[in-house]
Amino acid sequence: MNALFVMPGLAARNLLRHRRRSAMALAAVAFGVVALILTGGFVRDVFVQLGEAIIRSQTGHIQVSRSGFAERGARAPEQFLIEATSDLRERVEQRGDVEAVMARLGFSGLLNNGRTDMAIVGEGIEPGREAKLGSYLRITAGRQLTDADEFGILVGQGLATAMRLAPGAQVTLLANTADGAMNTLDVEVVGVFQSFSKDFDARAVRVPLAAAQRLLDMSGYHLLVVHLADTASSETSTAALRGALDPARYDVRPWYEISDFYAKTVDLYDRQFGVLRLVVLLLVLLAVANSVNIAVAERTGEFGTMMALGNRRSEIASLIVAEGALIGLIGGALGVVAGMLLAQLISAIGIPMPPPPNSDLGYMARIRVVPAEVALALGVAMVAALTASVLPALRISRLKIVDALRQNA
């Protein structure tokens, strides 16, 4: 029977015979596992915090629109209105995982402060419903919009700085109506907001939905934004809504498909983390290979004696592989324990992070203990340790008994 299964005690005793060398190999494996757990947990935290920032300052969890709005809505937004009399909101709100549903009406135009005009991208929103969702929208001056602000406006910080706007300032919105006429609306700045995106803040404004409808001479809205109780259910909730709504009439898109910035950031970090995994794999492989090769060289005579006494070559090879597997398993287990403890300690303290690219807001990073990342780190350690043991095991199994016995002289 394979020695990997029948001689685990012998493999463990062989490791204890050379404790210093075994300890160095175990330390290398444990260090690699800790590095993967901490780095993977950090990257996962970046994904979670970036996702929540996007959801709670811009997109919501899910957006429902008329079919084709995402592709052609910028050219002819009036053709993709959801009528105010539609029962769509009630149908979406019936789902148990939905916390809130809010309508948005998008528009573009100019903002005039009496001295200059600037191009803006605006949204008509329902302030009361948006207040809970927009928890990542930081008010840097003034206050949030409320349902009582019939002609109030929120402006992005970059736009407010460029136009020298402050709460209480009177400004004029200019936009084209559905029939092509120019319309204006006098509004008062009630607050200045800052999101995670500098580009968004440089041109974004928000007004009450009724004010946007009056400016555009429209009665409907473009989007229903869905706020879920749990971000983790975004995928299943999106699939359920797509099944419940007619795809010929409505598009249902989750936040991670809407945000191109998020998708590119995830792809970038995944590539970088993949390189790190490869480096750790090579590090562990070299450390274990060094330990196993030295042990095999020192014990060649011992292996020759075992073969002379009747042990099969496959049993000798399996014993060497078993020792490598034990190094990977024990070192990996130590690394998992140390990595999880360090992750909890670091998360309790927090890691102050500078603002990411295209942002003015820093954040407090943490290390998330993700079971999949922990299992992957342990798997990398085991694969590296086993791979490092295979070549020495094959080499010793092919050695002639006479040549091996000479090492005892």
Protein backbone atom coordinates (compact mmCIF):
# COMPACT_ATOMS: atom_id res chain seq x y z
CA MET A 1 0.00 0.00 0.00
CA ASN A 2 1.14 3.56 -0.66
CA ALA A 3 3.46 4.84 2.06
CA LEU A 4 1.69 8.17 2.04
CA PHE A 5 -1.13 6.39 3.87
CA VAL A 6 0.56 3.53 5.77
CA MET A 7 3.61 5.37 7.12
CA PRO A 8 2.48 8.85 8.26
CA GLY A 9 4.10 8.25 11.63
CA LEU A 10 7.42 7.42 9.98
CA ALA A 11 7.20 10.54 7.81
CA ALA A 12 6.51 12.67 10.91
CA ARG A 13 9.43 11.12 12.80
CA ASN A 14 11.73 11.81 9.86
CA LEU A 15 10.79 15.49 10.01
CA LEU A 16 11.52 15.58 13.74
CA ARG A 17 14.99 14.11 13.18
CA HIS A 18 16.09 17.38 11.56
CA ARG A 19 14.06 19.94 13.46
CA ARG A 20 15.95 23.05 12.41
CA ARG A 21 15.68 22.28 8.70
CA SER A 22 12.04 21.24 9.03
CA ALA A 23 11.28 24.39 11.04
CA MET A 24 12.72 26.58 8.27
CA ALA A 25 10.60 24.83 5.65
CA LEU A 26 7.48 25.13 7.83
CA ALA A 27 8.19 28.82 8.42
CA ALA A 28 8.49 29.45 4.68
CA VAL A 29 5.18 27.69 4.01
CA ALA A 30 3.43 29.50 6.88
CA PHE A 31 4.81 32.87 5.72
CA GLY A 32 3.49 32.28 2.21
CA VAL A 33 0.03 31.36 3.51
CA VAL A 34 -0.07 34.41 5.79
CA ALA A 35 0.95 36.65 2.87
CA LEU A 36 -1.83 35.25 0.67
CA ILE A 37 -4.50 35.53 3.40
CA LEU A 38 -3.60 39.12 4.29
CA THR A 39 -3.20 40.27 0.71
CA GLY A 40 -6.33 38.46 -0.46
CA GLY A 41 -8.32 39.89 2.46
CA PHE A 42 -7.05 43.39 1.71
CA VAL A 43 -7.96 43.13 -1.98
CA ARG A 44 -11.39 41.75 -1.07
CA ASP A 45 -11.94 44.72 1.25
CA VAL A 46 -11.02 47.10 -1.58
CA PHE A 47 -13.64 45.43 -3.78
CA VAL A 48 -16.31 45.58 -1.08
CA GLN A 49 -15.68 49.20 -0.10
CA LEU A 50 -15.43 50.37 -3.71
CA GLY A 51 -18.63 48.52 -4.56
CA GLU A 52 -20.51 50.03 -1.63
CA ALA A 53 -19.23 53.51 -2.51
CA ILE A 54 -20.50 53.13 -6.08
CA ILE A 55 -23.84 51.67 -4.97
CA ARG A 56 -24.54 54.23 -2.27
CA SER A 57 -23.39 57.34 -4.10
CA GLN A 58 -24.39 56.66 -7.71
CA THR A 59 -25.94 53.49 -9.05
CA GLY A 60 -27.95 51.73 -6.35
CA HIS A 61 -27.94 47.92 -6.34
CA ILE A 62 -30.08 47.41 -9.45
CA GLN A 63 -31.43 49.74 -12.13
CA VAL A 64 -34.56 49.05 -14.17
CA SER A 65 -35.08 51.02 -17.37
CA ARG A 66 -36.85 50.76 -20.70
CA SER A 67 -35.13 48.36 -23.10
CA GLY A 68 -32.39 50.13 -25.07
CA PHE A 69 -32.01 53.07 -22.69
CA ALA A 70 -28.41 52.22 -21.76
CA GLU A 71 -27.35 52.11 -25.42
CA ARG A 72 -29.47 54.85 -27.01
CA GLY A 73 -30.90 56.86 -24.14
CA ALA A 74 -28.24 59.59 -24.30
CA ARG A 75 -29.29 60.54 -27.85
CA ALA A 76 -33.06 60.44 -27.37
CA PRO A 77 -33.93 60.23 -23.66
CA GLU A 78 -37.55 61.23 -24.23
CA GLN A 79 -38.12 57.95 -26.11
CA PHE A 80 -37.26 55.80 -23.08
CA LEU A 81 -39.51 57.25 -20.39
CA ILE A 82 -41.32 55.02 -17.91
CA GLU A 83 -44.73 56.57 -17.46
CA ALA A 84 -45.65 57.77 -13.98
CA THR A 85 -48.87 55.74 -14.22
CA SER A 86 -46.93 52.49 -14.73
CA ASP A 87 -47.32 49.74 -12.12
CA LEU A 88 -43.61 48.89 -12.44
CA ARG A 89 -42.66 50.35 -9.04
CA GLU A 90 -45.32 48.30 -7.23
CA ARG A 91 -44.19 45.09 -8.99
CA VAL A 92 -40.57 45.66 -7.98
CA GLU A 93 -41.42 46.63 -4.40
CA GLN A 94 -43.26 43.32 -3.88
CA ARG A 95 -39.95 41.43 -3.64
CA GLY A 96 -38.97 40.62 -0.07
CA ASP A 97 -35.28 41.51 -0.49
CA VAL A 98 -36.05 45.05 -1.72
CA GLU A 99 -35.74 47.81 0.89
CA ALA A 100 -36.61 50.79 -1.28
CA VAL A 101 -37.35 51.71 -4.88
CA MET A 102 -36.78 55.22 -6.19
CA ALA A 103 -37.34 56.93 -9.53
CA ARG A 104 -34.69 59.01 -11.31
CA LEU A 105 -34.94 61.26 -14.33
CA GLY A 106 -31.65 62.02 -16.04
CA PHE A 107 -30.90 65.15 -18.04
CA SER A 108 -28.03 67.24 -19.35
CA GLY A 109 -27.83 70.96 -19.80
CA LEU A 110 -26.17 74.11 -18.47
CA LEU A 111 -25.91 75.66 -15.03
CA ASN A 112 -25.73 79.46 -14.86
CA ASN A 113 -24.70 81.44 -11.79
CA GLY A 114 -25.16 84.90 -13.37
CA ARG A 115 -21.53 85.10 -14.50
CA THR A 116 -20.79 81.91 -16.38
CA ASP A 117 -22.35 78.73 -17.75
CA MET A 118 -21.06 75.20 -17.19
CA ALA A 119 -22.23 71.93 -18.74
CA ILE A 120 -23.77 69.61 -16.19
CA VAL A 121 -25.25 66.13 -15.95
CA GLY A 122 -28.29 66.19 -13.72
CA GLU A 123 -30.65 63.79 -12.01
CA GLY A 124 -34.15 64.34 -10.77
CA ILE A 125 -34.48 62.28 -7.59
CA GLU A 126 -36.92 61.51 -4.81
CA PRO A 127 -35.00 62.99 -1.84
CA GLY A 128 -36.76 61.11 0.93
CA ARG A 129 -36.23 57.72 -0.69
CA GLU A 130 -32.64 58.54 -1.72
CA ALA A 131 -31.53 59.61 1.77
CA LYS A 132 -31.04 56.06 3.06
CA LEU A 133 -29.33 54.78 -0.09
CA GLY A 134 -26.93 57.72 -0.41
CA SER A 135 -24.94 56.99 2.75
CA TYR A 136 -21.63 57.31 0.86
CA LEU A 137 -22.58 60.76 -0.48
CA ARG A 138 -20.75 63.16 1.81
CA ILE A 139 -22.28 66.61 2.28
CA THR A 140 -19.36 69.05 2.51
CA ALA A 141 -21.48 72.20 2.79
CA GLY A 142 -25.14 72.84 3.52
CA ARG A 143 -27.46 69.85 3.80
CA GLN A 144 -29.19 67.06 1.90
CA LEU A 145 -32.18 67.65 -0.32
CA THR A 146 -35.54 66.96 1.33
CA ASP A 147 -39.01 66.40 -0.08
CA ALA A 148 -39.86 69.95 0.99
CA ASP A 149 -37.19 71.48 -1.31
CA GLU A 150 -39.39 72.14 -4.33
CA PHE A 151 -36.71 74.19 -6.09
CA GLY A 152 -33.53 73.12 -4.31
CA ILE A 153 -30.40 71.73 -5.90
CA LEU A 154 -27.38 69.70 -4.75
CA VAL A 155 -24.15 70.32 -6.67
CA GLY A 156 -20.95 68.29 -6.81
CA GLN A 157 -17.95 69.71 -5.01
CA GLY A 158 -15.86 70.10 -8.15
CA LEU A 159 -18.68 71.99 -9.85
CA ALA A 160 -19.27 74.14 -6.77
CA THR A 161 -15.57 75.04 -6.62
CA ALA A 162 -15.38 75.89 -10.32
CA MET A 163 -18.49 78.12 -10.18
CA ARG A 164 -17.85 79.45 -6.65
CA LEU A 165 -21.19 78.20 -5.37
CA ALA A 166 -22.20 77.93 -1.74
CA PRO A 167 -25.45 77.01 0.02
CA GLY A 168 -28.01 79.75 -0.52
CA ALA A 169 -26.72 80.72 -3.97
CA GLN A 170 -29.31 81.27 -6.68
CA VAL A 171 -28.60 79.50 -9.98
CA THR A 172 -30.45 78.74 -13.19
CA LEU A 173 -30.74 75.39 -14.93
CA LEU A 174 -31.06 75.35 -18.72
CA ALA A 175 -32.13 72.24 -20.63
CA ASN A 176 -33.95 71.19 -23.77
CA THR A 177 -37.47 69.85 -23.48
CA ALA A 178 -38.68 66.79 -25.40
CA ASP A 179 -39.84 68.95 -28.34
CA GLY A 180 -36.47 70.73 -28.59
CA ALA A 181 -37.39 74.00 -26.88
CA MET A 182 -35.04 75.61 -24.37
CA ASN A 183 -36.42 75.76 -20.84
CA THR A 184 -35.02 77.31 -17.65
CA LEU A 185 -35.57 76.73 -13.96
CA ASP A 186 -34.41 78.97 -11.10
CA VAL A 187 -33.20 76.94 -8.12
CA GLU A 188 -31.36 77.49 -4.84
CA VAL A 189 -28.23 75.60 -3.81
CA VAL A 190 -29.04 73.75 -0.58
CA GLY A 191 -25.88 71.64 -0.35
CA VAL A 192 -22.58 70.58 -1.88
CA PHE A 193 -21.80 66.86 -2.06
CA GLN A 194 -18.71 64.76 -2.57
CA SER A 195 -18.70 61.16 -3.82
CA PHE A 196 -15.77 58.78 -4.38
CA SER A 197 -15.45 59.98 -8.02
CA LYS A 198 -13.82 63.31 -8.75
CA ASP A 199 -15.10 63.27 -12.35
CA PHE A 200 -18.68 62.76 -11.19
CA ASP A 201 -18.44 65.60 -8.67
CA ALA A 202 -17.09 67.97 -11.34
CA ARG A 203 -20.33 67.97 -13.36
CA ALA A 204 -23.17 66.40 -11.37
CA VAL A 205 -26.24 68.08 -9.90
CA ARG A 206 -29.35 66.68 -8.26
CA VAL A 207 -32.77 68.26 -8.03
CA PRO A 208 -36.17 66.97 -6.84
CA LEU A 209 -37.88 64.74 -9.42
CA ALA A 210 -40.82 67.13 -9.80
CA ALA A 211 -38.43 70.02 -10.59
CA ALA A 212 -36.62 67.93 -13.23
CA GLN A 213 -39.95 66.94 -14.80
CA ARG A 214 -40.98 70.59 -14.91
CA LEU A 215 -37.64 71.60 -16.48
CA LEU A 216 -37.87 68.91 -19.18
CA ASP A 217 -41.65 69.11 -19.57
CA MET A 218 -41.93 65.35 -18.94
CA SER A 219 -44.17 63.35 -16.62
CA GLY A 220 -42.26 60.08 -16.30
CA TYR A 221 -38.78 58.96 -15.32
CA HIS A 222 -35.89 57.02 -16.87
CA LEU A 223 -34.77 54.69 -14.08
CA LEU A 224 -36.10 52.78 -11.15
CA VAL A 225 -33.22 52.36 -8.72
CA VAL A 226 -33.54 49.36 -6.40
CA HIS A 227 -31.98 49.37 -2.93
CA LEU A 228 -31.51 45.85 -1.57
CA ALA A 229 -31.21 44.75 2.04
CA ASP A 230 -27.96 42.90 1.25
CA THR A 231 -25.46 43.67 -1.50
CA ALA A 232 -24.51 39.96 -1.64
CA SER A 233 -27.95 39.20 -3.09
CA SER A 234 -27.45 41.52 -6.09
CA GLU A 235 -26.91 38.69 -8.56
CA THR A 236 -29.85 36.53 -7.45
CA SER A 237 -32.17 39.54 -7.17
CA THR A 238 -31.19 40.71 -10.65
CA ALA A 239 -31.92 37.27 -12.08
CA ALA A 240 -35.29 37.17 -10.30
CA LEU A 241 -36.28 40.63 -11.60
CA ARG A 242 -35.22 39.71 -15.13
CA GLY A 243 -37.45 36.67 -14.91
CA ALA A 244 -40.38 38.68 -13.56
CA LEU A 245 -40.23 41.56 -16.07
CA ASP A 246 -40.73 41.42 -19.81
CA PRO A 247 -37.23 41.67 -21.38
CA ALA A 248 -38.72 43.22 -24.51
CA ARG A 249 -39.90 46.18 -22.41
CA TYR A 250 -37.41 46.47 -19.56
CA ASP A 251 -33.67 46.15 -18.98
CA VAL A 252 -32.52 45.05 -15.51
CA ARG A 253 -28.86 45.79 -14.75
CA PRO A 254 -26.92 45.21 -11.52
CA TRP A 255 -24.45 47.77 -10.22
CA TYR A 256 -21.34 45.81 -11.22
CA GLU A 257 -22.44 45.85 -14.86
CA ILE A 258 -23.29 49.54 -14.80
CA SER A 259 -19.95 50.71 -13.35
CA ASP A 260 -17.16 50.29 -15.88
CA PHE A 261 -14.69 51.72 -13.34
CA TYR A 262 -15.46 48.90 -10.87
CA ALA A 263 -15.06 46.18 -13.50
CA LYS A 264 -11.68 47.52 -14.62
CA THR A 265 -10.47 47.92 -11.02
CA VAL A 266 -11.41 44.32 -10.19
CA ASP A 267 -9.66 43.07 -13.32
CA LEU A 268 -6.49 45.04 -12.46
CA TYR A 269 -6.32 43.79 -8.87
CA ASP A 270 -7.10 40.21 -9.88
CA ARG A 271 -4.16 40.25 -12.30
CA GLN A 272 -1.82 41.70 -9.68
CA PHE A 273 -2.96 39.22 -7.05
CA GLY A 274 -2.49 36.38 -9.54
CA VAL A 275 1.16 37.40 -9.93
CA LEU A 276 1.52 37.45 -6.12
CA ARG A 277 0.09 33.94 -5.88
CA LEU A 278 2.64 32.77 -8.43
CA VAL A 279 5.50 34.41 -6.48
CA VAL A 280 4.36 32.80 -3.22
CA LEU A 281 3.99 29.44 -4.96
CA LEU A 282 7.58 29.66 -6.22
CA LEU A 283 8.82 30.82 -2.79
CA VAL A 284 7.21 27.88 -0.99
CA LEU A 285 8.27 25.46 -3.72
CA LEU A 286 11.93 26.52 -3.48
CA ALA A 287 11.94 26.42 0.33
CA VAL A 288 10.41 22.95 0.51
CA ALA A 289 12.52 21.68 -2.40
CA ASN A 290 15.68 22.84 -0.65
CA SER A 291 14.70 21.08 2.57
CA VAL A 292 13.66 17.84 0.82
CA ASN A 293 16.73 17.73 -1.44
CA ILE A 294 19.11 18.12 1.50
CA ALA A 295 17.23 15.44 3.45
CA VAL A 296 17.29 13.04 0.49
CA ALA A 297 21.00 13.60 -0.08
CA GLU A 298 21.79 12.91 3.58
CA ARG A 299 19.56 9.82 3.72
CA THR A 300 20.51 8.17 0.44
CA GLY A 301 22.29 5.36 2.28
CA GLU A 302 19.25 4.89 4.52
CA PHE A 303 17.00 4.56 1.49
CA GLY A 304 19.42 2.06 -0.05
CA THR A 305 19.22 -0.05 3.11
CA MET A 306 15.41 0.08 3.06
CA MET A 307 15.33 -1.09 -0.55
CA ALA A 308 17.85 -3.86 0.23
CA LEU A 309 15.55 -5.05 3.04
CA GLY A 310 12.63 -5.38 0.61
CA ASN A 311 10.87 -2.00 0.56
CA ARG A 312 9.59 -1.18 -2.88
CA ARG A 313 10.91 1.85 -4.71
CA SER A 314 7.38 3.25 -4.89
CA GLU A 315 7.17 3.07 -1.09
CA ILE A 316 10.39 5.04 -0.74
CA ALA A 317 9.13 7.66 -3.19
CA SER A 318 5.78 7.85 -1.40
CA LEU A 319 7.53 8.33 1.94
CA ILE A 320 9.42 11.34 0.57
CA VAL A 321 6.22 12.79 -0.89
CA ALA A 322 4.45 12.16 2.45
CA GLU A 323 7.11 14.18 4.25
CA GLY A 324 6.62 17.05 1.78
CA ALA A 325 2.85 16.82 2.20
CA LEU A 326 3.23 17.04 5.99
CA ILE A 327 5.40 20.12 5.63
CA GLY A 328 2.73 21.71 3.41
CA LEU A 329 -0.15 20.67 5.68
CA ILE A 330 1.42 21.65 9.01
CA GLY A 331 3.00 24.83 7.64
CA GLY A 332 -0.26 25.72 5.88
CA ALA A 333 -2.30 25.15 9.04
CA LEU A 334 0.07 27.32 11.07
CA GLY A 335 -0.14 29.98 8.38
CA VAL A 336 -3.95 29.88 8.36
CA VAL A 337 -4.14 30.37 12.13
CA ALA A 338 -1.53 33.14 12.12
CA GLY A 339 -3.08 34.81 9.07
CA MET A 340 -6.58 34.86 10.55
CA LEU A 341 -5.33 36.23 13.87
CA LEU A 342 -3.30 38.94 12.13
CA ALA A 343 -6.27 39.80 9.91
CA GLN A 344 -8.49 40.30 12.96
CA LEU A 345 -5.83 42.39 14.72
CA ILE A 346 -5.13 44.60 11.69
CA SER A 347 -8.87 45.05 11.03
CA ALA A 348 -9.42 46.14 14.62
CA ILE A 349 -6.78 48.85 14.18
CA GLY A 350 -7.56 49.70 10.54
CA ILE A 351 -5.28 50.78 7.70
CA PRO A 352 -5.60 54.49 6.79
CA MET A 353 -5.58 54.66 2.99
CA PRO A 354 -4.98 57.73 0.81
CA PRO A 355 -7.61 58.67 -1.78
CA PRO A 356 -7.61 56.22 -4.71
CA PRO A 357 -7.14 57.52 -8.28
CA ASN A 358 -9.89 59.90 -9.41
CA SER A 359 -11.00 60.53 -5.84
CA ASP A 360 -10.50 63.04 -3.01
CA LEU A 361 -11.73 60.76 -0.24
CA GLY A 362 -9.46 58.46 1.74
CA TYR A 363 -10.82 55.48 3.60
CA MET A 364 -10.01 52.99 6.37
CA ALA A 365 -9.06 49.61 4.91
CA ARG A 366 -9.39 46.28 6.71
CA ILE A 367 -8.42 42.66 6.13
CA ARG A 368 -11.44 40.50 5.41
CA VAL A 369 -11.17 36.81 6.29
CA VAL A 370 -12.77 35.16 3.26
CA PRO A 371 -13.11 31.34 3.44
CA ALA A 372 -12.40 30.98 -0.28
CA GLU A 373 -9.16 32.97 0.02
CA VAL A 374 -8.09 30.97 3.09
CA ALA A 375 -8.75 27.69 1.28
CA LEU A 376 -6.88 28.95 -1.78
CA ALA A 377 -3.86 29.95 0.32
CA LEU A 378 -3.77 26.52 1.96
CA GLY A 379 -4.16 24.89 -1.45
CA VAL A 380 -1.23 26.88 -2.86
CA ALA A 381 0.94 25.72 0.05
CA MET A 382 -0.03 22.08 -0.42
CA VAL A 383 0.51 22.14 -4.18
CA ALA A 384 3.92 23.80 -3.78
CA ALA A 385 5.03 21.34 -1.09
CA LEU A 386 3.90 18.28 -3.04
CA THR A 387 5.43 19.56 -6.28
CA ALA A 388 8.74 20.21 -4.53
CA SER A 389 8.79 16.62 -3.22
CA VAL A 390 8.00 14.82 -6.48
CA LEU A 391 11.33 15.28 -8.30
CA PRO A 392 13.55 14.18 -5.34
CA ALA A 393 11.23 11.21 -4.81
CA LEU A 394 11.50 10.17 -8.48
CA ARG A 395 15.25 10.61 -8.44
CA ILE A 396 15.81 8.42 -5.37
CA SER A 397 13.40 5.75 -6.65
CA ARG A 398 15.52 5.35 -9.80
CA LEU A 399 18.81 5.04 -7.91
CA LYS A 400 20.52 1.66 -7.98
CA ILE A 401 20.60 -0.10 -4.60
CA VAL A 402 24.37 -0.61 -4.80
CA ASP A 403 25.00 3.07 -5.46
CA ALA A 404 22.70 4.03 -2.60
CA LEU A 405 24.40 1.65 -0.17
CA ARG A 406 27.80 3.17 -0.94
CA GLN A 407 26.59 6.31 0.86
CA ASN A 408 26.71 4.31 4.12
CA ALA A 409 30.48 3.74 3.78
